[in-house]
PDB file of N, CA and C in Angstrom:
ATOM      1  N   MET A   1    -170.014  71.868  71.922  1.00  0.00           N
ATOM      2  CA  MET A   1    -169.968  70.502  71.417  1.00  0.00           C
ATOM      3  C   MET A   1    -169.253  69.628  72.444  1.00  0.00           C
ATOM      4  N   THR A   2    -169.854  68.515  72.761  1.00  0.00           N
ATOM      5  CA  THR A   2    -169.271  67.610  73.753  1.00  0.00           C
ATOM      6  C   THR A   2    -168.747  66.341  73.085  1.00  0.00           C
ATOM      7  N   PHE A   3    -167.690  65.788  73.636  1.00  0.00           N
ATOM      8  CA  PHE A   3    -167.101  64.573  73.094  1.00  0.00           C
ATOM      9  C   PHE A   3    -167.460  63.354  73.939  1.00  0.00           C
ATOM     10  N   ALA A   4    -168.328  63.505  74.916  1.00  0.00           N
ATOM     11  CA  ALA A   4    -168.669  62.408  75.822  1.00  0.00           C
ATOM     12  C   ALA A   4    -169.233  61.185  75.094  1.00  0.00           C
ATOM     13  N   PRO A   5    -170.182  61.320  74.182  1.00  0.00           N
ATOM     14  CA  PRO A   5    -170.690  60.117  73.496  1.00  0.00           C
ATOM     15  C   PRO A   5    -169.598  59.400  72.699  1.00  0.00           C
ATOM     16  N   PHE A   6    -168.758  60.163  72.020  1.00  0.00           N
ATOM     17  CA  PHE A   6    -167.659  59.565  71.262  1.00  0.00           C
ATOM     18  C   PHE A   6    -166.695  58.863  72.209  1.00  0.00           C
ATOM     19  N   GLN A   7    -166.367  59.527  73.319  1.00  0.00           N
ATOM     20  CA  GLN A   7    -165.453  58.924  74.296  1.00  0.00           C
ATOM     21  C   GLN A   7    -166.029  57.630  74.852  1.00  0.00           C
ATOM     22  N   GLU A   8    -167.296  57.622  75.177  1.00  0.00           N
ATOM     23  CA  GLU A   8    -167.925  56.419  75.712  1.00  0.00           C
ATOM     24  C   GLU A   8    -167.903  55.293  74.679  1.00  0.00           C
ATOM     25  N   ARG A   9    -168.142  55.623  73.428  1.00  0.00           N
ATOM     26  CA  ARG A   9    -168.165  54.614  72.374  1.00  0.00           C
ATOM     27  C   ARG A   9    -166.772  54.025  72.137  1.00  0.00           C
ATOM     28  N   ARG A  10    -165.738  54.814  72.270  1.00  0.00           N
ATOM     29  CA  ARG A  10    -164.384  54.355  71.969  1.00  0.00           C
ATOM     30  C   ARG A  10    -163.677  53.736  73.169  1.00  0.00           C
ATOM     31  N   THR A  11    -164.221  53.838  74.380  1.00  0.00           N
ATOM     32  CA  THR A  11    -163.546  53.322  75.569  1.00  0.00           C
ATOM     33  C   THR A  11    -163.315  51.814  75.494  1.00  0.00           C
ATOM     34  N   LEU A  12    -164.322  51.034  75.161  1.00  0.00           N
ATOM     35  CA  LEU A  12    -164.175  49.575  75.085  1.00  0.00           C
ATOM     36  C   LEU A  12    -163.122  49.162  74.051  1.00  0.00           C
ATOM     37  N   PRO A  13    -163.181  49.655  72.808  1.00  0.00           N
ATOM     38  CA  PRO A  13    -162.154  49.246  71.844  1.00  0.00           C
ATOM     39  C   PRO A  13    -160.738  49.636  72.271  1.00  0.00           C
ATOM     40  N   VAL A  14    -160.585  50.811  72.855  1.00  0.00           N
ATOM     41  CA  VAL A  14    -159.250  51.247  73.289  1.00  0.00           C
ATOM     42  C   VAL A  14    -158.747  50.360  74.414  1.00  0.00           C
ATOM     43  N   ARG A  15    -159.583  50.087  75.383  1.00  0.00           N
ATOM     44  CA  ARG A  15    -159.165  49.221  76.498  1.00  0.00           C
ATOM     45  C   ARG A  15    -158.842  47.813  76.026  1.00  0.00           C
ATOM     46  N   PHE A  16    -159.633  47.288  75.088  1.00  0.00           N
ATOM     47  CA  PHE A  16    -159.362  45.957  74.543  1.00  0.00           C
ATOM     48  C   PHE A  16    -158.013  45.938  73.834  1.00  0.00           C
ATOM     49  N   THR A  17    -157.766  46.936  72.993  1.00  0.00           N
ATOM     50  CA  THR A  17    -156.501  47.011  72.260  1.00  0.00           C
ATOM     51  C   THR A  17    -155.327  47.110  73.218  1.00  0.00           C
ATOM     52  N   GLN A  18    -155.445  47.942  74.253  1.00  0.00           N
ATOM     53  CA  GLN A  18    -154.371  48.077  75.230  1.00  0.00           C
ATOM     54  C   GLN A  18    -154.162  46.786  76.012  1.00  0.00           C
ATOM     55  N   TRP A  19    -155.243  46.073  76.313  1.00  0.00           N
ATOM     56  CA  TRP A  19    -155.132  44.792  77.020  1.00  0.00           C
ATOM     57  C   TRP A  19    -154.377  43.780  76.155  1.00  0.00           C
ATOM     58  N   VAL A  20    -154.712  43.726  74.851  1.00  0.00           N
ATOM     59  CA  VAL A  20    -154.028  42.809  73.943  1.00  0.00           C
ATOM     60  C   VAL A  20    -152.543  43.149  73.873  1.00  0.00           C
ATOM     61  N   GLN A  21    -152.220  44.431  73.746  1.00  0.00           N
ATOM     62  CA  GLN A  21    -150.818  44.844  73.682  1.00  0.00           C
ATOM     63  C   GLN A  21    -150.069  44.455  74.950  1.00  0.00           C
ATOM     64  N   LEU A  22    -150.666  44.683  76.095  1.00  0.00           N
ATOM     65  CA  LEU A  22    -150.029  44.359  77.367  1.00  0.00           C
ATOM     66  C   LEU A  22    -149.848  42.846  77.522  1.00  0.00           C
ATOM     67  N   THR A  23    -150.845  42.079  77.119  1.00  0.00           N
ATOM     68  CA  THR A  23    -150.762  40.623  77.202  1.00  0.00           C
ATOM     69  C   THR A  23    -149.638  40.093  76.312  1.00  0.00           C
ATOM     70  N   ILE A  24    -149.548  40.609  75.104  1.00  0.00           N
ATOM     71  CA  ILE A  24    -148.467  40.197  74.200  1.00  0.00           C
ATOM     72  C   ILE A  24    -147.121  40.559  74.803  1.00  0.00           C
ATOM     73  N   GLN A  25    -147.015  41.746  75.370  1.00  0.00           N
ATOM     74  CA  GLN A  25    -145.753  42.176  75.982  1.00  0.00           C
ATOM     75  C   GLN A  25    -145.354  41.257  77.136  1.00  0.00           C
ATOM     76  N   LYS A  26    -146.314  40.935  78.002  1.00  0.00           N
ATOM     77  CA  LYS A  26    -146.006  40.125  79.185  1.00  0.00           C
ATOM     78  C   LYS A  26    -145.749  38.662  78.847  1.00  0.00           C
ATOM     79  N   ARG A  27    -146.553  38.093  77.966  1.00  0.00           N
ATOM     80  CA  ARG A  27    -146.496  36.651  77.727  1.00  0.00           C
ATOM     81  C   ARG A  27    -145.550  36.230  76.614  1.00  0.00           C
ATOM     82  N   ILE A  28    -145.296  37.094  75.655  1.00  0.00           N
ATOM     83  CA  ILE A  28    -144.473  36.679  74.523  1.00  0.00           C
ATOM     84  C   ILE A  28    -143.157  37.457  74.467  1.00  0.00           C
ATOM     85  N   ILE A  29    -143.246  38.755  74.335  1.00  0.00           N
ATOM     86  CA  ILE A  29    -142.043  39.554  74.111  1.00  0.00           C
ATOM     87  C   ILE A  29    -141.078  39.486  75.282  1.00  0.00           C
ATOM     88  N   SER A  30    -141.569  39.627  76.513  1.00  0.00           N
ATOM     89  CA  SER A  30    -140.660  39.602  77.663  1.00  0.00           C
ATOM     90  C   SER A  30    -139.983  38.239  77.813  1.00  0.00           C
ATOM     91  N   ARG A  31    -140.692  37.161  77.503  1.00  0.00           N
ATOM     92  CA  ARG A  31    -140.090  35.816  77.569  1.00  0.00           C
ATOM     93  C   ARG A  31    -139.002  35.646  76.511  1.00  0.00           C
ATOM     94  N   VAL A  32    -139.267  36.134  75.317  1.00  0.00           N
ATOM     95  CA  VAL A  32    -138.292  36.013  74.236  1.00  0.00           C
ATOM     96  C   VAL A  32    -137.047  36.823  74.562  1.00  0.00           C
ATOM     97  N   LEU A  33    -137.223  38.042  75.037  1.00  0.00           N
ATOM     98  CA  LEU A  33    -136.079  38.893  75.354  1.00  0.00           C
ATOM     99  C   LEU A  33    -135.289  38.372  76.548  1.00  0.00           C
ATOM    100  N   GLY A  34    -135.957  37.689  77.472  1.00  0.00           N
ATOM    101  CA  GLY A  34    -135.284  37.173  78.656  1.00  0.00           C
ATOM    102  C   GLY A  34    -134.664  35.801  78.484  1.00  0.00           C
ATOM    103  N   SER A  35    -134.915  35.161  77.368  1.00  0.00           N
ATOM    104  CA  SER A  35    -134.430  33.799  77.147  1.00  0.00           C
ATOM    105  C   SER A  35    -133.104  33.798  76.393  1.00  0.00           C
ATOM    106  N   GLN A  36    -132.277  32.816  76.709  1.00  0.00           N
ATOM    107  CA  GLN A  36    -131.014  32.635  75.996  1.00  0.00           C
ATOM    108  C   GLN A  36    -131.185  31.659  74.826  1.00  0.00           C
ATOM    109  N   ARG A  37    -132.272  30.875  74.863  1.00  0.00           N
ATOM    110  CA  ARG A  37    -132.532  29.887  73.812  1.00  0.00           C
ATOM    111  C   ARG A  37    -133.398  30.500  72.712  1.00  0.00           C
ATOM    112  N   ARG A  38    -133.364  29.860  71.560  1.00  0.00           N
ATOM    113  CA  ARG A  38    -134.245  30.280  70.471  1.00  0.00           C
ATOM    114  C   ARG A  38    -135.663  29.831  70.812  1.00  0.00           C
ATOM    115  N   PRO A  39    -136.613  30.753  70.848  1.00  0.00           N
ATOM    116  CA  PRO A  39    -137.975  30.382  71.266  1.00  0.00           C
ATOM    117  C   PRO A  39    -138.724  29.617  70.177  1.00  0.00           C
ATOM    118  N   LYS A  40    -139.642  28.767  70.634  1.00  0.00           N
ATOM    119  CA  LYS A  40    -140.545  28.071  69.719  1.00  0.00           C
ATOM    120  C   LYS A  40    -141.737  28.997  69.475  1.00  0.00           C
ATOM    121  N   PRO A  41    -142.279  29.001  68.266  1.00  0.00           N
ATOM    122  CA  PRO A  41    -143.426  29.872  68.004  1.00  0.00           C
ATOM    123  C   PRO A  41    -144.657  29.416  68.798  1.00  0.00           C
ATOM    124  N   PRO A  42    -145.440  30.373  69.284  1.00  0.00           N
ATOM    125  CA  PRO A  42    -146.675  30.021  69.996  1.00  0.00           C
ATOM    126  C   PRO A  42    -147.656  29.292  69.073  1.00  0.00           C
ATOM    127  N   LEU A  43    -148.594  28.594  69.661  1.00  0.00           N
ATOM    128  CA  LEU A  43    -149.599  27.831  68.916  1.00  0.00           C
ATOM    129  C   LEU A  43    -150.324  28.717  67.898  1.00  0.00           C
ATOM    130  N   MET A  44    -150.606  29.955  68.280  1.00  0.00           N
ATOM    131  CA  MET A  44    -151.326  30.856  67.376  1.00  0.00           C
ATOM    132  C   MET A  44    -150.585  31.002  66.046  1.00  0.00           C
ATOM    133  N   PHE A  45    -149.267  31.131  66.093  1.00  0.00           N
ATOM    134  CA  PHE A  45    -148.492  31.284  64.865  1.00  0.00           C
ATOM    135  C   PHE A  45    -148.478  29.997  64.047  1.00  0.00           C
ATOM    136  N   LYS A  46    -148.484  28.883  64.715  1.00  0.00           N
ATOM    137  CA  LYS A  46    -148.554  27.604  64.011  1.00  0.00           C
ATOM    138  C   LYS A  46    -149.890  27.475  63.277  1.00  0.00           C
ATOM    139  N   LEU A  47    -150.969  27.904  63.940  1.00  0.00           N
ATOM    140  CA  LEU A  47    -152.291  27.858  63.308  1.00  0.00           C
ATOM    141  C   LEU A  47    -152.359  28.793  62.107  1.00  0.00           C
ATOM    142  N   LEU A  48    -151.728  29.961  62.220  1.00  0.00           N
ATOM    143  CA  LEU A  48    -151.726  30.899  61.103  1.00  0.00           C
ATOM    144  C   LEU A  48    -150.982  30.326  59.902  1.00  0.00           C
ATOM    145  N   LYS A  49    -149.964  29.536  60.169  1.00  0.00           N
ATOM    146  CA  LYS A  49    -149.214  28.904  59.077  1.00  0.00           C
ATOM    147  C   LYS A  49    -150.044  27.800  58.421  1.00  0.00           C
ATOM    148  N   ILE A  50    -150.768  27.033  59.233  1.00  0.00           N
ATOM    149  CA  ILE A  50    -151.573  25.931  58.713  1.00  0.00           C
ATOM    150  C   ILE A  50    -152.808  26.451  57.972  1.00  0.00           C
ATOM    151  N   PHE A  51    -153.448  27.479  58.519  1.00  0.00           N
ATOM    152  CA  PHE A  51    -154.685  28.042  57.948  1.00  0.00           C
ATOM    153  C   PHE A  51    -154.446  29.498  57.538  1.00  0.00           C
ATOM    154  N   PRO A  52    -153.973  29.737  56.323  1.00  0.00           N
ATOM    155  CA  PRO A  52    -153.650  31.098  55.888  1.00  0.00           C
ATOM    156  C   PRO A  52    -154.818  32.086  55.977  1.00  0.00           C
ATOM    157  N   ALA A  53    -156.049  31.600  55.861  1.00  0.00           N
ATOM    158  CA  ALA A  53    -157.200  32.495  55.942  1.00  0.00           C
ATOM    159  C   ALA A  53    -157.306  33.170  57.311  1.00  0.00           C
ATOM    160  N   LEU A  54    -156.778  32.516  58.346  1.00  0.00           N
ATOM    161  CA  LEU A  54    -156.821  33.095  59.696  1.00  0.00           C
ATOM    162  C   LEU A  54    -155.914  34.315  59.839  1.00  0.00           C
ATOM    163  N   ARG A  55    -154.980  34.514  58.911  1.00  0.00           N
ATOM    164  CA  ARG A  55    -154.067  35.652  58.988  1.00  0.00           C
ATOM    165  C   ARG A  55    -154.798  36.977  58.890  1.00  0.00           C
ATOM    166  N   ARG A  56    -155.973  36.957  58.317  1.00  0.00           N
ATOM    167  CA  ARG A  56    -156.751  38.190  58.169  1.00  0.00           C
ATOM    168  C   ARG A  56    -157.293  38.688  59.505  1.00  0.00           C
ATOM    169  N   VAL A  57    -157.532  37.790  60.438  1.00  0.00           N
ATOM    170  CA  VAL A  57    -158.147  38.169  61.709  1.00  0.00           C
ATOM    171  C   VAL A  57    -157.267  39.142  62.499  1.00  0.00           C
ATOM    172  N   PRO A  58    -156.003  38.798  62.823  1.00  0.00           N
ATOM    173  CA  PRO A  58    -155.198  39.767  63.564  1.00  0.00           C
ATOM    174  C   PRO A  58    -154.938  41.037  62.766  1.00  0.00           C
ATOM    175  N   ALA A  59    -154.795  40.921  61.443  1.00  0.00           N
ATOM    176  CA  ALA A  59    -154.571  42.110  60.621  1.00  0.00           C
ATOM    177  C   ALA A  59    -155.777  43.044  60.697  1.00  0.00           C
ATOM    178  N   ARG A  60    -156.969  42.473  60.663  1.00  0.00           N
ATOM    179  CA  ARG A  60    -158.174  43.308  60.751  1.00  0.00           C
ATOM    180  C   ARG A  60    -158.321  43.943  62.133  1.00  0.00           C
ATOM    181  N   LEU A  61    -158.020  43.168  63.174  1.00  0.00           N
ATOM    182  CA  LEU A  61    -158.111  43.725  64.526  1.00  0.00           C
ATOM    183  C   LEU A  61    -157.144  44.887  64.726  1.00  0.00           C
ATOM    184  N   VAL A  62    -155.951  44.762  64.170  1.00  0.00           N
ATOM    185  CA  VAL A  62    -154.978  45.848  64.294  1.00  0.00           C
ATOM    186  C   VAL A  62    -155.382  47.030  63.416  1.00  0.00           C
ATOM    187  N   GLY A  63    -155.800  46.756  62.192  1.00  0.00           N
ATOM    188  CA  GLY A  63    -156.104  47.828  61.251  1.00  0.00           C
ATOM    189  C   GLY A  63    -157.421  48.529  61.485  1.00  0.00           C
ATOM    190  N   VAL A  64    -158.455  47.773  61.818  1.00  0.00           N
ATOM    191  CA  VAL A  64    -159.800  48.339  61.948  1.00  0.00           C
ATOM    192  C   VAL A  64    -160.248  48.408  63.395  1.00  0.00           C
ATOM    193  N   GLY A  65    -159.829  47.448  64.202  1.00  0.00           N
ATOM    194  CA  GLY A  65    -160.250  47.413  65.598  1.00  0.00           C
ATOM    195  C   GLY A  65    -161.486  46.560  65.780  1.00  0.00           C
ATOM    196  N   ILE A  66    -161.957  46.504  67.023  1.00  0.00           N
ATOM    197  CA  ILE A  66    -163.134  45.672  67.297  1.00  0.00           C
ATOM    198  C   ILE A  66    -164.436  46.416  67.057  1.00  0.00           C
ATOM    199  N   ARG A  67    -164.361  47.736  66.900  1.00  0.00           N
ATOM    200  CA  ARG A  67    -165.563  48.521  66.616  1.00  0.00           C
ATOM    201  C   ARG A  67    -165.202  49.593  65.585  1.00  0.00           C
ATOM    202  N   PRO A  68    -165.371  49.277  64.302  1.00  0.00           N
ATOM    203  CA  PRO A  68    -165.019  50.261  63.273  1.00  0.00           C
ATOM    204  C   PRO A  68    -165.920  51.494  63.339  1.00  0.00           C
ATOM    205  N   GLU A  69    -165.349  52.618  63.048  1.00  0.00           N
ATOM    206  CA  GLU A  69    -166.113  53.866  63.035  1.00  0.00           C
ATOM    207  C   GLU A  69    -166.491  54.207  61.597  1.00  0.00           C
ATOM    208  N   HIS A  70    -167.660  54.785  61.442  1.00  0.00           N
ATOM    209  CA  HIS A  70    -168.139  55.223  60.140  1.00  0.00           C
ATOM    210  C   HIS A  70    -168.560  56.679  60.256  1.00  0.00           C
ATOM    211  N   VAL A  71    -168.012  57.511  59.414  1.00  0.00           N
ATOM    212  CA  VAL A  71    -168.339  58.934  59.436  1.00  0.00           C
ATOM    213  C   VAL A  71    -169.556  59.152  58.561  1.00  0.00           C
ATOM    214  N   HIS A  72    -170.575  59.774  59.115  1.00  0.00           N
ATOM    215  CA  HIS A  72    -171.791  60.082  58.376  1.00  0.00           C
ATOM    216  C   HIS A  72    -171.904  61.587  58.237  1.00  0.00           C
ATOM    217  N   THR A  73    -171.736  62.073  57.016  1.00  0.00           N
ATOM    218  CA  THR A  73    -171.846  63.509  56.759  1.00  0.00           C
ATOM    219  C   THR A  73    -172.814  63.714  55.605  1.00  0.00           C
ATOM    220  N   PRO A  74    -173.417  64.895  55.526  1.00  0.00           N
ATOM    221  CA  PRO A  74    -174.325  65.164  54.401  1.00  0.00           C
ATOM    222  C   PRO A  74    -173.613  65.060  53.057  1.00  0.00           C
ATOM    223  N   GLU A  75    -172.326  65.434  53.013  1.00  0.00           N
ATOM    224  CA  GLU A  75    -171.577  65.397  51.766  1.00  0.00           C
ATOM    225  C   GLU A  75    -171.392  63.951  51.283  1.00  0.00           C
ATOM    226  N   ALA A  76    -171.365  62.998  52.194  1.00  0.00           N
ATOM    227  CA  ALA A  76    -171.139  61.609  51.830  1.00  0.00           C
ATOM    228  C   ALA A  76    -172.439  60.827  51.623  1.00  0.00           C
ATOM    229  N   ALA A  77    -173.573  61.509  51.759  1.00  0.00           N
ATOM    230  CA  ALA A  77    -174.861  60.833  51.597  1.00  0.00           C
ATOM    231  C   ALA A  77    -175.046  60.418  50.145  1.00  0.00           C
ATOM    232  N   PRO A  78    -175.700  59.265  49.925  1.00  0.00           N
ATOM    233  CA  PRO A  78    -175.922  58.815  48.542  1.00  0.00           C
ATOM    234  C   PRO A  78    -176.843  59.773  47.780  1.00  0.00           C
ATOM    235  N   LEU A  79    -176.627  59.872  46.491  1.00  0.00           N
ATOM    236  CA  LEU A  79    -177.456  60.745  45.665  1.00  0.00           C
ATOM    237  C   LEU A  79    -178.816  60.094  45.442  1.00  0.00           C
ATOM    238  N   ALA A  80    -179.862  60.898  45.528  1.00  0.00           N
ATOM    239  CA  ALA A  80    -181.218  60.370  45.357  1.00  0.00           C
ATOM    240  C   ALA A  80    -181.630  60.330  43.910  1.00  0.00           C
TER     241      ALA A  80
END
């Protein structure tokens, strides 16, 4: 059994997630930790406060990712 197709399918979502994490670390967290002043929230957080429905987007990206996986097994097949 080979894992190559699964690995190929998951490469893009993993790289995207790692890119987002690295970007947040470089642009937000490192600035906050290096600053002596109280930071102002980024525009994204202001938008989330104004439009509560947008809060679902980052939660879904973290929880499900950009490419959700679905397991297809004979046991889970619908009854005919």
